PDB file of N, CA and C in Angstrom:
ATOM      1  N   UNK A   1     103.313  38.992 167.950  1.00  0.00           N
ATOM      2  CA  UNK A   1     104.711  38.984 167.555  1.00  0.00           C
ATOM      3  C   UNK A   1     105.242  40.402 167.533  1.00  0.00           C
ATOM      4  N   UNK A   2     105.870  40.778 168.589  1.00  0.00           N
ATOM      5  CA  UNK A   2     106.414  42.123 168.667  1.00  0.00           C
ATOM      6  C   UNK A   2     107.929  42.062 168.495  1.00  0.00           C
ATOM      7  N   UNK A   3     108.390  42.576 167.392  1.00  0.00           N
ATOM      8  CA  UNK A   3     109.822  42.689 167.160  1.00  0.00           C
ATOM      9  C   UNK A   3     110.076  43.995 166.440  1.00  0.00           C
ATOM     10  N   UNK A   4     111.306  44.420 166.428  1.00  0.00           N
ATOM     11  CA  UNK A   4     111.696  45.695 165.846  1.00  0.00           C
ATOM     12  C   UNK A   4     111.696  45.588 164.312  1.00  0.00           C
ATOM     13  N   UNK A   5     110.709  46.213 163.686  1.00  0.00           N
ATOM     14  CA  UNK A   5     110.581  46.162 162.221  1.00  0.00           C
ATOM     15  C   UNK A   5     111.773  46.820 161.520  1.00  0.00           C
ATOM     16  N   UNK A   6     112.312  47.875 162.102  1.00  0.00           N
ATOM     17  CA  UNK A   6     113.469  48.545 161.497  1.00  0.00           C
ATOM     18  C   UNK A   6     114.672  47.609 161.502  1.00  0.00           C
ATOM     19  N   UNK A   7     114.898  46.931 162.621  1.00  0.00           N
ATOM     20  CA  UNK A   7     115.999  45.963 162.686  1.00  0.00           C
ATOM     21  C   UNK A   7     115.738  44.810 161.724  1.00  0.00           C
ATOM     22  N   UNK A   8     114.506  44.366 161.597  1.00  0.00           N
ATOM     23  CA  UNK A   8     114.173  43.301 160.644  1.00  0.00           C
ATOM     24  C   UNK A   8     114.552  43.715 159.222  1.00  0.00           C
ATOM     25  N   UNK A   9     114.244  44.953 158.865  1.00  0.00           N
ATOM     26  CA  UNK A   9     114.600  45.454 157.529  1.00  0.00           C
ATOM     27  C   UNK A   9     116.117  45.520 157.346  1.00  0.00           C
ATOM     28  N   UNK A  10     116.826  45.968 158.383  1.00  0.00           N
ATOM     29  CA  UNK A  10     118.292  46.039 158.305  1.00  0.00           C
ATOM     30  C   UNK A  10     118.880  44.641 158.096  1.00  0.00           C
ATOM     31  N   UNK A  11     118.334  43.662 158.790  1.00  0.00           N
ATOM     32  CA  UNK A  11     118.832  42.289 158.661  1.00  0.00           C
ATOM     33  C   UNK A  11     118.558  41.768 157.254  1.00  0.00           C
ATOM     34  N   UNK A  12     117.344  41.951 156.757  1.00  0.00           N
ATOM     35  CA  UNK A  12     117.011  41.446 155.420  1.00  0.00           C
ATOM     36  C   UNK A  12     117.843  42.113 154.330  1.00  0.00           C
ATOM     37  N   UNK A  13     118.158  43.396 154.486  1.00  0.00           N
ATOM     38  CA  UNK A  13     119.018  44.073 153.510  1.00  0.00           C
ATOM     39  C   UNK A  13     120.358  43.355 153.402  1.00  0.00           C
ATOM     40  N   UNK A  14     120.862  42.884 154.533  1.00  0.00           N
ATOM     41  CA  UNK A  14     122.166  42.233 154.564  1.00  0.00           C
ATOM     42  C   UNK A  14     122.093  40.777 154.101  1.00  0.00           C
ATOM     43  N   UNK A  15     120.970  40.117 154.332  1.00  0.00           N
ATOM     44  CA  UNK A  15     120.878  38.685 154.069  1.00  0.00           C
ATOM     45  C   UNK A  15     120.247  38.331 152.734  1.00  0.00           C
ATOM     46  N   UNK A  16     119.587  39.276 152.109  1.00  0.00           N
ATOM     47  CA  UNK A  16     118.891  39.002 150.853  1.00  0.00           C
ATOM     48  C   UNK A  16     119.825  38.420 149.797  1.00  0.00           C
ATOM     49  N   UNK A  17     121.006  38.971 149.665  1.00  0.00           N
ATOM     50  CA  UNK A  17     121.961  38.506 148.656  1.00  0.00           C
ATOM     51  C   UNK A  17     122.515  37.116 148.984  1.00  0.00           C
ATOM     52  N   UNK A  18     122.353  36.675 150.218  1.00  0.00           N
ATOM     53  CA  UNK A  18     122.868  35.370 150.642  1.00  0.00           C
ATOM     54  C   UNK A  18     121.853  34.256 150.418  1.00  0.00           C
ATOM     55  N   UNK A  19     120.685  34.579 149.878  1.00  0.00           N
ATOM     56  CA  UNK A  19     119.651  33.582 149.664  1.00  0.00           C
ATOM     57  C   UNK A  19     118.873  33.227 150.918  1.00  0.00           C
ATOM     58  N   UNK A  20     118.913  34.114 151.896  1.00  0.00           N
ATOM     59  CA  UNK A  20     118.206  33.899 153.156  1.00  0.00           C
ATOM     60  C   UNK A  20     116.754  34.345 152.994  1.00  0.00           C
ATOM     61  N   UNK A  21     115.852  33.572 153.568  1.00  0.00           N
ATOM     62  CA  UNK A  21     114.442  33.927 153.576  1.00  0.00           C
ATOM     63  C   UNK A  21     114.022  34.235 155.007  1.00  0.00           C
ATOM     64  N   UNK A  22     112.905  34.925 155.140  1.00  0.00           N
ATOM     65  CA  UNK A  22     112.367  35.257 156.461  1.00  0.00           C
ATOM     66  C   UNK A  22     110.966  34.682 156.567  1.00  0.00           C
ATOM     67  N   UNK A  23     110.671  34.130 157.738  1.00  0.00           N
ATOM     68  CA  UNK A  23     109.370  33.522 157.968  1.00  0.00           C
ATOM     69  C   UNK A  23     108.932  33.827 159.397  1.00  0.00           C
ATOM     70  N   UNK A  24     107.677  34.210 159.558  1.00  0.00           N
ATOM     71  CA  UNK A  24     107.166  34.462 160.901  1.00  0.00           C
ATOM     72  C   UNK A  24     106.965  33.117 161.597  1.00  0.00           C
ATOM     73  N   UNK A  25     107.739  32.914 162.656  1.00  0.00           N
ATOM     74  CA  UNK A  25     107.646  31.693 163.455  1.00  0.00           C
ATOM     75  C   UNK A  25     108.406  31.883 164.756  1.00  0.00           C
ATOM     76  N   UNK A  26     108.232  30.979 165.700  1.00  0.00           N
ATOM     77  CA  UNK A  26     108.907  31.045 167.000  1.00  0.00           C
ATOM     78  C   UNK A  26     108.696  32.404 167.665  1.00  0.00           C
ATOM     79  N   UNK A  27     107.486  32.906 167.620  1.00  0.00           N
ATOM     80  CA  UNK A  27     107.126  34.182 168.252  1.00  0.00           C
ATOM     81  C   UNK A  27     107.931  35.359 167.724  1.00  0.00           C
ATOM     82  N   UNK A  28     108.339  35.301 166.483  1.00  0.00           N
ATOM     83  CA  UNK A  28     109.095  36.399 165.897  1.00  0.00           C
ATOM     84  C   UNK A  28     109.292  36.191 164.415  1.00  0.00           C
ATOM     85  N   UNK A  29     110.371  36.720 163.906  1.00  0.00           N
ATOM     86  CA  UNK A  29     110.725  36.596 162.503  1.00  0.00           C
ATOM     87  C   UNK A  29     112.006  35.777 162.424  1.00  0.00           C
ATOM     88  N   UNK A  30     111.916  34.607 161.797  1.00  0.00           N
ATOM     89  CA  UNK A  30     113.058  33.703 161.700  1.00  0.00           C
ATOM     90  C   UNK A  30     113.688  33.823 160.326  1.00  0.00           C
ATOM     91  N   UNK A  31     115.010  33.872 160.303  1.00  0.00           N
ATOM     92  CA  UNK A  31     115.777  33.979 159.068  1.00  0.00           C
ATOM     93  C   UNK A  31     116.362  32.603 158.777  1.00  0.00           C
ATOM     94  N   UNK A  32     116.097  32.106 157.552  1.00  0.00           N
ATOM     95  CA  UNK A  32     116.440  30.737 157.192  1.00  0.00           C
ATOM     96  C   UNK A  32     117.408  30.692 156.020  1.00  0.00           C
ATOM     97  N   UNK A  33     118.381  29.798 156.118  1.00  0.00           N
ATOM     98  CA  UNK A  33     119.318  29.532 155.030  1.00  0.00           C
ATOM     99  C   UNK A  33     119.217  28.047 154.727  1.00  0.00           C
ATOM    100  N   UNK A  34     118.796  27.698 153.536  1.00  0.00           N
ATOM    101  CA  UNK A  34     118.599  26.308 153.115  1.00  0.00           C
ATOM    102  C   UNK A  34     117.691  25.564 154.088  1.00  0.00           C
ATOM    103  N   UNK A  35     116.688  26.269 154.637  1.00  0.00           N
ATOM    104  CA  UNK A  35     115.726  25.663 155.536  1.00  0.00           C
ATOM    105  C   UNK A  35     116.145  25.610 156.990  1.00  0.00           C
ATOM    106  N   UNK A  36     117.369  26.021 157.308  1.00  0.00           N
ATOM    107  CA  UNK A  36     117.879  26.028 158.681  1.00  0.00           C
ATOM    108  C   UNK A  36     117.846  27.444 159.240  1.00  0.00           C
ATOM    109  N   UNK A  37     117.387  27.561 160.486  1.00  0.00           N
ATOM    110  CA  UNK A  37     117.346  28.870 161.139  1.00  0.00           C
ATOM    111  C   UNK A  37     118.760  29.356 161.421  1.00  0.00           C
ATOM    112  N   UNK A  38     119.047  30.598 161.063  1.00  0.00           N
ATOM    113  CA  UNK A  38     120.339  31.190 161.403  1.00  0.00           C
ATOM    114  C   UNK A  38     120.170  32.320 162.408  1.00  0.00           C
ATOM    115  N   UNK A  39     118.954  32.857 162.499  1.00  0.00           N
ATOM    116  CA  UNK A  39     118.675  33.922 163.464  1.00  0.00           C
ATOM    117  C   UNK A  39     117.173  34.033 163.641  1.00  0.00           C
ATOM    118  N   UNK A  40     116.777  34.609 164.767  1.00  0.00           N
ATOM    119  CA  UNK A  40     115.370  34.877 165.040  1.00  0.00           C
ATOM    120  C   UNK A  40     115.282  36.203 165.775  1.00  0.00           C
ATOM    121  N   UNK A  41     114.461  37.080 165.251  1.00  0.00           N
ATOM    122  CA  UNK A  41     114.236  38.388 165.863  1.00  0.00           C
ATOM    123  C   UNK A  41     112.886  38.347 166.555  1.00  0.00           C
ATOM    124  N   UNK A  42     112.886  38.615 167.850  1.00  0.00           N
ATOM    125  CA  UNK A  42     111.645  38.622 168.609  1.00  0.00           C
ATOM    126  C   UNK A  42     111.718  39.696 169.667  1.00  0.00           C
ATOM    127  N   UNK A  43     110.703  39.748 170.532  1.00  0.00           N
ATOM    128  CA  UNK A  43     110.591  40.881 171.454  1.00  0.00           C
ATOM    129  C   UNK A  43     111.753  41.005 172.431  1.00  0.00           C
ATOM    130  N   UNK A  44     112.494  39.935 172.696  1.00  0.00           N
ATOM    131  CA  UNK A  44     113.614  40.012 173.630  1.00  0.00           C
ATOM    132  C   UNK A  44     114.941  40.372 172.965  1.00  0.00           C
ATOM    133  N   UNK A  45     114.993  40.377 171.645  1.00  0.00           N
ATOM    134  CA  UNK A  45     116.226  40.715 170.937  1.00  0.00           C
ATOM    135  C   UNK A  45     116.430  39.835 169.723  1.00  0.00           C
ATOM    136  N   UNK A  46     117.665  39.683 169.337  1.00  0.00           N
ATOM    137  CA  UNK A  46     118.032  38.878 168.180  1.00  0.00           C
ATOM    138  C   UNK A  46     118.847  37.687 168.655  1.00  0.00           C
ATOM    139  N   UNK A  47     118.340  36.486 168.388  1.00  0.00           N
ATOM    140  CA  UNK A  47     119.140  35.306 168.705  1.00  0.00           C
ATOM    141  C   UNK A  47     119.805  34.856 167.416  1.00  0.00           C
ATOM    142  N   UNK A  48     121.075  34.486 167.521  1.00  0.00           N
ATOM    143  CA  UNK A  48     121.825  34.051 166.343  1.00  0.00           C
ATOM    144  C   UNK A  48     122.522  32.725 166.625  1.00  0.00           C
ATOM    145  N   UNK A  49     122.619  31.927 165.567  1.00  0.00           N
ATOM    146  CA  UNK A  49     123.323  30.645 165.645  1.00  0.00           C
ATOM    147  C   UNK A  49     124.827  30.922 165.611  1.00  0.00           C
ATOM    148  N   UNK A  50     125.541  30.373 166.578  1.00  0.00           N
ATOM    149  CA  UNK A  50     126.996  30.572 166.637  1.00  0.00           C
ATOM    150  C   UNK A  50     127.766  29.260 166.627  1.00  0.00           C
ATOM    151  N   UNK A  51     127.060  28.140 166.703  1.00  0.00           N
ATOM    152  CA  UNK A  51     127.713  26.832 166.728  1.00  0.00           C
ATOM    153  C   UNK A  51     127.991  26.395 168.155  1.00  0.00           C
ATOM    154  N   UNK A  52     127.709  25.144 168.443  1.00  0.00           N
ATOM    155  CA  UNK A  52     127.880  24.637 169.811  1.00  0.00           C
ATOM    156  C   UNK A  52     129.306  24.781 170.311  1.00  0.00           C
ATOM    157  N   UNK A  53     130.271  24.574 169.442  1.00  0.00           N
ATOM    158  CA  UNK A  53     131.672  24.637 169.860  1.00  0.00           C
ATOM    159  C   UNK A  53     132.185  26.066 170.034  1.00  0.00           C
ATOM    160  N   UNK A  54     131.370  27.065 169.669  1.00  0.00           N
ATOM    161  CA  UNK A  54     131.825  28.454 169.785  1.00  0.00           C
ATOM    162  C   UNK A  54     130.918  29.305 170.668  1.00  0.00           C
ATOM    163  N   UNK A  55     130.008  28.668 171.390  1.00  0.00           N
ATOM    164  CA  UNK A  55     129.095  29.413 172.258  1.00  0.00           C
ATOM    165  C   UNK A  55     129.857  30.224 173.300  1.00  0.00           C
ATOM    166  N   UNK A  56     130.822  29.600 173.961  1.00  0.00           N
ATOM    167  CA  UNK A  56     131.589  30.312 175.000  1.00  0.00           C
ATOM    168  C   UNK A  56     132.311  31.516 174.425  1.00  0.00           C
ATOM    169  N   UNK A  57     132.906  31.349 173.254  1.00  0.00           N
ATOM    170  CA  UNK A  57     133.594  32.467 172.591  1.00  0.00           C
ATOM    171  C   UNK A  57     132.611  33.593 172.288  1.00  0.00           C
ATOM    172  N   UNK A  58     131.445  33.249 171.768  1.00  0.00           N
ATOM    173  CA  UNK A  58     130.447  34.261 171.420  1.00  0.00           C
ATOM    174  C   UNK A  58     130.000  35.049 172.643  1.00  0.00           C
ATOM    175  N   UNK A  59     129.898  34.379 173.776  1.00  0.00           N
ATOM    176  CA  UNK A  59     129.432  35.038 174.993  1.00  0.00           C
ATOM    177  C   UNK A  59     130.428  36.037 175.567  1.00  0.00           C
ATOM    178  N   UNK A  60     131.664  36.042 175.070  1.00  0.00           N
ATOM    179  CA  UNK A  60     132.644  37.022 175.534  1.00  0.00           C
ATOM    180  C   UNK A  60     132.494  38.362 174.826  1.00  0.00           C
ATOM    181  N   UNK A  61     131.705  38.390 173.767  1.00  0.00           N
ATOM    182  CA  UNK A  61     131.541  39.618 172.988  1.00  0.00           C
ATOM    183  C   UNK A  61     130.502  40.547 173.610  1.00  0.00           C
ATOM    184  N   UNK A  62     130.709  41.852 173.471  1.00  0.00           N
ATOM    185  CA  UNK A  62     129.757  42.820 174.042  1.00  0.00           C
ATOM    186  C   UNK A  62     128.349  42.627 173.475  1.00  0.00           C
ATOM    187  N   UNK A  63     127.363  42.719 174.354  1.00  0.00           N
ATOM    188  CA  UNK A  63     125.969  42.632 173.940  1.00  0.00           C
ATOM    189  C   UNK A  63     125.415  41.227 173.839  1.00  0.00           C
ATOM    190  N   UNK A  64     126.269  40.194 173.972  1.00  0.00           N
ATOM    191  CA  UNK A  64     125.811  38.811 173.857  1.00  0.00           C
ATOM    192  C   UNK A  64     125.521  38.232 175.234  1.00  0.00           C
ATOM    193  N   UNK A  65     124.438  37.482 175.319  1.00  0.00           N
ATOM    194  CA  UNK A  65     124.105  36.786 176.557  1.00  0.00           C
ATOM    195  C   UNK A  65     123.592  35.394 176.206  1.00  0.00           C
ATOM    196  N   UNK A  66     123.583  34.499 177.188  1.00  0.00           N
ATOM    197  CA  UNK A  66     123.088  33.139 176.906  1.00  0.00           C
ATOM    198  C   UNK A  66     121.625  33.184 176.469  1.00  0.00           C
ATOM    199  N   UNK A  67     121.271  32.318 175.559  1.00  0.00           N
ATOM    200  CA  UNK A  67     119.880  32.170 175.160  1.00  0.00           C
ATOM    201  C   UNK A  67     119.268  31.113 176.076  1.00  0.00           C
ATOM    202  N   UNK A  68     118.298  31.526 176.867  1.00  0.00           N
ATOM    203  CA  UNK A  68     117.645  30.639 177.819  1.00  0.00           C
ATOM    204  C   UNK A  68     116.210  30.398 177.356  1.00  0.00           C
ATOM    205  N   UNK A  69     115.851  29.147 177.157  1.00  0.00           N
ATOM    206  CA  UNK A  69     114.493  28.780 176.778  1.00  0.00           C
ATOM    207  C   UNK A  69     114.004  27.735 177.770  1.00  0.00           C
ATOM    208  N   UNK A  70     112.883  28.038 178.389  1.00  0.00           N
ATOM    209  CA  UNK A  70     112.293  27.168 179.422  1.00  0.00           C
ATOM    210  C   UNK A  70     113.314  26.799 180.490  1.00  0.00           C
ATOM    211  N   UNK A  71     114.114  27.780 180.898  1.00  0.00           N
ATOM    212  CA  UNK A  71     115.073  27.586 181.972  1.00  0.00           C
ATOM    213  C   UNK A  71     116.359  26.888 181.593  1.00  0.00           C
ATOM    214  N   UNK A  72     116.531  26.576 180.314  1.00  0.00           N
ATOM    215  CA  UNK A  72     117.732  25.854 179.870  1.00  0.00           C
ATOM    216  C   UNK A  72     118.510  26.675 178.846  1.00  0.00           C
ATOM    217  N   UNK A  73     119.843  26.769 179.059  1.00  0.00           N
ATOM    218  CA  UNK A  73     120.684  27.483 178.103  1.00  0.00           C
ATOM    219  C   UNK A  73     120.790  26.683 176.817  1.00  0.00           C
ATOM    220  N   UNK A  74     120.571  27.365 175.704  1.00  0.00           N
ATOM    221  CA  UNK A  74     120.625  26.740 174.393  1.00  0.00           C
ATOM    222  C   UNK A  74     122.045  26.842 173.824  1.00  0.00           C
ATOM    223  N   UNK A  75     122.734  25.726 173.786  1.00  0.00           N
ATOM    224  CA  UNK A  75     124.087  25.720 173.231  1.00  0.00           C
ATOM    225  C   UNK A  75     124.010  25.952 171.723  1.00  0.00           C
ATOM    226  N   UNK A  76     124.941  26.714 171.208  1.00  0.00           N
ATOM    227  CA  UNK A  76     124.972  27.003 169.785  1.00  0.00           C
ATOM    228  C   UNK A  76     124.264  28.286 169.404  1.00  0.00           C
ATOM    229  N   UNK A  77     123.641  28.935 170.381  1.00  0.00           N
ATOM    230  CA  UNK A  77     122.888  30.165 170.140  1.00  0.00           C
ATOM    231  C   UNK A  77     123.218  31.196 171.208  1.00  0.00           C
ATOM    232  N   UNK A  78     123.165  32.471 170.852  1.00  0.00           N
ATOM    233  CA  UNK A  78     123.272  33.553 171.825  1.00  0.00           C
ATOM    234  C   UNK A  78     122.176  34.565 171.541  1.00  0.00           C
ATOM    235  N   UNK A  79     121.857  35.342 172.558  1.00  0.00           N
ATOM    236  CA  UNK A  79     120.884  36.421 172.447  1.00  0.00           C
ATOM    237  C   UNK A  79     121.638  37.736 172.442  1.00  0.00           C
ATOM    238  N   UNK A  80     121.322  38.586 171.475  1.00  0.00           N
ATOM    239  CA  UNK A  80     122.015  39.867 171.326  1.00  0.00           C
ATOM    240  C   UNK A  80     121.101  41.016 171.725  1.00  0.00           C
ATOM    241  N   UNK A  81     121.644  41.933 172.483  1.00  0.00           N
ATOM    242  CA  UNK A  81     120.918  43.149 172.846  1.00  0.00           C
ATOM    243  C   UNK A  81     120.836  44.044 171.614  1.00  0.00           C
ATOM    244  N   UNK A  82     119.642  44.479 171.280  1.00  0.00           N
ATOM    245  CA  UNK A  82     119.451  45.284 170.072  1.00  0.00           C
ATOM    246  C   UNK A  82     120.277  46.566 170.083  1.00  0.00           C
ATOM    247  N   UNK A  83     120.447  47.168 171.251  1.00  0.00           N
ATOM    248  CA  UNK A  83     121.191  48.425 171.309  1.00  0.00           C
ATOM    249  C   UNK A  83     122.672  48.244 170.977  1.00  0.00           C
ATOM    250  N   UNK A  84     123.166  47.010 170.977  1.00  0.00           N
ATOM    251  CA  UNK A  84     124.569  46.763 170.651  1.00  0.00           C
ATOM    252  C   UNK A  84     124.787  46.534 169.160  1.00  0.00           C
ATOM    253  N   UNK A  85     123.727  46.554 168.371  1.00  0.00           N
ATOM    254  CA  UNK A  85     123.813  46.132 166.973  1.00  0.00           C
ATOM    255  C   UNK A  85     123.948  47.300 166.000  1.00  0.00           C
ATOM    256  N   UNK A  86     125.078  48.016 166.091  1.00  0.00           N
ATOM    257  CA  UNK A  86     125.326  49.005 165.039  1.00  0.00           C
ATOM    258  C   UNK A  86     125.665  48.221 163.766  1.00  0.00           C
ATOM    259  N   UNK A  87     125.834  48.893 162.649  1.00  0.00           N
ATOM    260  CA  UNK A  87     125.994  48.202 161.367  1.00  0.00           C
ATOM    261  C   UNK A  87     127.159  47.222 161.347  1.00  0.00           C
ATOM    262  N   UNK A  88     128.326  47.624 161.826  1.00  0.00           N
ATOM    263  CA  UNK A  88     129.489  46.738 161.792  1.00  0.00           C
ATOM    264  C   UNK A  88     129.307  45.513 162.680  1.00  0.00           C
ATOM    265  N   UNK A  89     128.742  45.719 163.860  1.00  0.00           N
ATOM    266  CA  UNK A  89     128.515  44.608 164.791  1.00  0.00           C
ATOM    267  C   UNK A  89     127.481  43.652 164.212  1.00  0.00           C
ATOM    268  N   UNK A  90     126.394  44.185 163.686  1.00  0.00           N
ATOM    269  CA  UNK A  90     125.353  43.360 163.078  1.00  0.00           C
ATOM    270  C   UNK A  90     125.936  42.544 161.924  1.00  0.00           C
ATOM    271  N   UNK A  91     126.713  43.192 161.071  1.00  0.00           N
ATOM    272  CA  UNK A  91     127.343  42.476 159.950  1.00  0.00           C
ATOM    273  C   UNK A  91     128.194  41.307 160.438  1.00  0.00           C
ATOM    274  N   UNK A  92     128.976  41.531 161.495  1.00  0.00           N
ATOM    275  CA  UNK A  92     129.833  40.480 162.029  1.00  0.00           C
ATOM    276  C   UNK A  92     129.048  39.293 162.547  1.00  0.00           C
ATOM    277  N   UNK A  93     127.989  39.557 163.311  1.00  0.00           N
ATOM    278  CA  UNK A  93     127.175  38.466 163.837  1.00  0.00           C
ATOM    279  C   UNK A  93     126.471  37.703 162.723  1.00  0.00           C
ATOM    280  N   UNK A  94     125.933  38.412 161.742  1.00  0.00           N
ATOM    281  CA  UNK A  94     125.228  37.741 160.657  1.00  0.00           C
ATOM    282  C   UNK A  94     126.179  36.907 159.805  1.00  0.00           C
ATOM    283  N   UNK A  95     127.381  37.398 159.578  1.00  0.00           N
ATOM    284  CA  UNK A  95     128.375  36.618 158.840  1.00  0.00           C
ATOM    285  C   UNK A  95     128.707  35.344 159.596  1.00  0.00           C
ATOM    286  N   UNK A  96     128.902  35.462 160.900  1.00  0.00           N
ATOM    287  CA  UNK A  96     129.176  34.298 161.735  1.00  0.00           C
ATOM    288  C   UNK A  96     128.031  33.287 161.618  1.00  0.00           C
ATOM    289  N   UNK A  97     126.793  33.765 161.764  1.00  0.00           N
ATOM    290  CA  UNK A  97     125.625  32.880 161.709  1.00  0.00           C
ATOM    291  C   UNK A  97     125.487  32.210 160.342  1.00  0.00           C
ATOM    292  N   UNK A  98     125.752  32.949 159.279  1.00  0.00           N
ATOM    293  CA  UNK A  98     125.693  32.371 157.930  1.00  0.00           C
ATOM    294  C   UNK A  98     126.747  31.278 157.779  1.00  0.00           C
ATOM    295  N   UNK A  99     127.962  31.542 158.215  1.00  0.00           N
ATOM    296  CA  UNK A  99     129.038  30.559 158.097  1.00  0.00           C
ATOM    297  C   UNK A  99     128.700  29.264 158.823  1.00  0.00           C
ATOM    298  N   UNK A 100     128.167  29.376 160.033  1.00  0.00           N
ATOM    299  CA  UNK A 100     127.816  28.188 160.818  1.00  0.00           C
ATOM    300  C   UNK A 100     126.637  27.447 160.182  1.00  0.00           C
ATOM    301  N   UNK A 101     125.629  28.190 159.782  1.00  0.00           N
ATOM    302  CA  UNK A 101     124.422  27.586 159.235  1.00  0.00           C
ATOM    303  C   UNK A 101     124.685  26.944 157.870  1.00  0.00           C
ATOM    304  N   UNK A 102     125.568  27.522 157.091  1.00  0.00           N
ATOM    305  CA  UNK A 102     125.884  26.970 155.764  1.00  0.00           C
ATOM    306  C   UNK A 102     126.511  25.599 155.845  1.00  0.00           C
ATOM    307  N   UNK A 103     127.100  25.257 156.994  1.00  0.00           N
ATOM    308  CA  UNK A 103     127.698  23.939 157.171  1.00  0.00           C
ATOM    309  C   UNK A 103     126.669  22.844 157.453  1.00  0.00           C
ATOM    310  N   UNK A 104     125.443  23.231 157.750  1.00  0.00           N
ATOM    311  CA  UNK A 104     124.392  22.259 158.057  1.00  0.00           C
ATOM    312  C   UNK A 104     123.786  21.699 156.767  1.00  0.00           C
ATOM    313  N   UNK A 105     123.319  20.451 156.820  1.00  0.00           N
ATOM    314  CA  UNK A 105     122.650  19.909 155.616  1.00  0.00           C
ATOM    315  C   UNK A 105     121.337  20.654 155.375  1.00  0.00           C
ATOM    316  N   UNK A 106     120.985  20.889 154.119  1.00  0.00           N
ATOM    317  CA  UNK A 106     119.721  21.565 153.810  1.00  0.00           C
ATOM    318  C   UNK A 106     118.538  20.761 154.335  1.00  0.00           C
ATOM    319  N   UNK A 107     117.473  21.479 154.689  1.00  0.00           N
ATOM    320  CA  UNK A 107     116.245  20.818 155.132  1.00  0.00           C
ATOM    321  C   UNK A 107     115.226  20.842 154.011  1.00  0.00           C
TER     322      UNK A 107
END
């Protein structure tokens, strides 16, 4: 599991107050809200939940690309380039992911 530990710490600093937990899974570090994944940090970058109805909108933002798993684009998720994640940008994406994930029923 190779992911950026510094970025992991930056994410947890922002999410700790939101009741988000982190668990090593899916070949990286997954951030969970009420048992639902809101983001996953792994060797290819940070994937964040954006909601199926807002995937196209999310892909228009700098640094975002489609999340492709086994050759299929995952609707509701985008992959973020780590170099695009300054503090303000990271905060915006995490807020978006929290808002979408909070609407899901707890697991």
